[in-house]
């Protein structure tokens, strides 16, 4: 699909709002999942460190 201008590309043939909203929502969900995973990993590592300190 060829576009004559950047504005045509952004409009995506009158479907631009839905297309870009879908991209935004998808990237938002993926970004949130990455942040939550990193947060849980940090929490788990802190918990494991505390458990090791208690065992000594």
C-alpha atoms as a PDB file:
ATOM      1  CA  UNK A   1       0.000   0.000   0.000  1.00  0.00           C
ATOM      2  CA  UNK A   2       1.589   3.260  -1.120  1.00  0.00           C
ATOM      3  CA  UNK A   3       0.857   6.611   0.453  1.00  0.00           C
ATOM      4  CA  UNK A   4       1.282   9.986  -1.216  1.00  0.00           C
ATOM      5  CA  UNK A   5       2.090  11.885   1.976  1.00  0.00           C
ATOM      6  CA  UNK A   6       2.752  11.458   5.661  1.00  0.00           C
ATOM      7  CA  UNK A   7      -0.773  12.649   6.410  1.00  0.00           C
ATOM      8  CA  UNK A   8      -2.190   9.878   4.199  1.00  0.00           C
ATOM      9  CA  UNK A   9       0.003   7.371   5.983  1.00  0.00           C
ATOM     10  CA  UNK A  10      -1.211   8.534   9.400  1.00  0.00           C
ATOM     11  CA  UNK A  11      -4.863   8.446   8.291  1.00  0.00           C
ATOM     12  CA  UNK A  12      -4.466   4.921   6.882  1.00  0.00           C
ATOM     13  CA  UNK A  13      -7.431   5.336   4.565  1.00  0.00           C
ATOM     14  CA  UNK A  14      -9.815   6.623   7.265  1.00  0.00           C
ATOM     15  CA  UNK A  15      -8.790   3.802   9.634  1.00  0.00           C
ATOM     16  CA  UNK A  16      -5.807   5.581  11.173  1.00  0.00           C
ATOM     17  CA  UNK A  17      -7.411   6.149  14.573  1.00  0.00           C
ATOM     18  CA  UNK A  18      -8.074   2.435  15.047  1.00  0.00           C
ATOM     19  CA  UNK A  19      -4.727   1.357  13.622  1.00  0.00           C
ATOM     20  CA  UNK A  20      -2.664   3.715  15.775  1.00  0.00           C
ATOM     21  CA  UNK A  21      -4.817   3.091  18.845  1.00  0.00           C
ATOM     22  CA  UNK A  22      -4.196  -0.638  18.413  1.00  0.00           C
ATOM     23  CA  UNK A  23      -0.451  -0.085  18.141  1.00  0.00           C
ATOM     24  CA  UNK A  24      -0.460   2.192  21.175  1.00  0.00           C
ATOM     25  CA  UNK A  25      -2.505  -0.218  23.257  1.00  0.00           C
ATOM     26  CA  UNK A  26      -0.327  -3.164  22.265  1.00  0.00           C
ATOM     27  CA  UNK A  27       2.911  -1.358  23.082  1.00  0.00           C
ATOM     28  CA  UNK A  28       1.410  -0.106  26.345  1.00  0.00           C
ATOM     29  CA  UNK A  29       0.459  -3.620  27.408  1.00  0.00           C
ATOM     30  CA  UNK A  30       3.854  -5.048  26.463  1.00  0.00           C
ATOM     31  CA  UNK A  31       5.651  -2.211  28.280  1.00  0.00           C
ATOM     32  CA  UNK A  32       3.504  -2.793  31.379  1.00  0.00           C
ATOM     33  CA  UNK A  33       4.224  -6.510  31.306  1.00  0.00           C
ATOM     34  CA  UNK A  34       7.973  -5.867  31.120  1.00  0.00           C
ATOM     35  CA  UNK A  35       7.823  -3.409  34.030  1.00  0.00           C
ATOM     36  CA  UNK A  36       5.750  -5.779  36.166  1.00  0.00           C
ATOM     37  CA  UNK A  37       8.120  -8.652  35.416  1.00  0.00           C
ATOM     38  CA  UNK A  38      11.142  -6.577  36.418  1.00  0.00           C
ATOM     39  CA  UNK A  39       9.391  -5.431  39.591  1.00  0.00           C
ATOM     40  CA  UNK A  40       8.473  -8.993  40.549  1.00  0.00           C
ATOM     41  CA  UNK A  41      11.990 -10.189  39.802  1.00  0.00           C
ATOM     42  CA  UNK A  42      13.436  -7.493  42.065  1.00  0.00           C
ATOM     43  CA  UNK A  43      10.987  -8.434  44.804  1.00  0.00           C
ATOM     44  CA  UNK A  44      11.836 -12.120  44.454  1.00  0.00           C
ATOM     45  CA  UNK A  45      15.584 -11.423  44.569  1.00  0.00           C
ATOM     46  CA  UNK A  46      15.189  -9.326  47.727  1.00  0.00           C
ATOM     47  CA  UNK A  47      13.123 -12.081  49.327  1.00  0.00           C
ATOM     48  CA  UNK A  48      15.744 -14.695  48.473  1.00  0.00           C
ATOM     49  CA  UNK A  49      18.507 -12.481  49.888  1.00  0.00           C
ATOM     50  CA  UNK A  50      16.584 -12.086  53.132  1.00  0.00           C
ATOM     51  CA  UNK A  51      16.027 -15.835  53.368  1.00  0.00           C
ATOM     52  CA  UNK A  52      19.733 -16.509  52.868  1.00  0.00           C
ATOM     53  CA  UNK A  53      20.640 -14.009  55.575  1.00  0.00           C
ATOM     54  CA  UNK A  54      18.260 -15.687  58.019  1.00  0.00           C
ATOM     55  CA  UNK A  55      19.787 -19.111  57.371  1.00  0.00           C
ATOM     56  CA  UNK A  56      23.301 -17.975  58.280  1.00  0.00           C
END
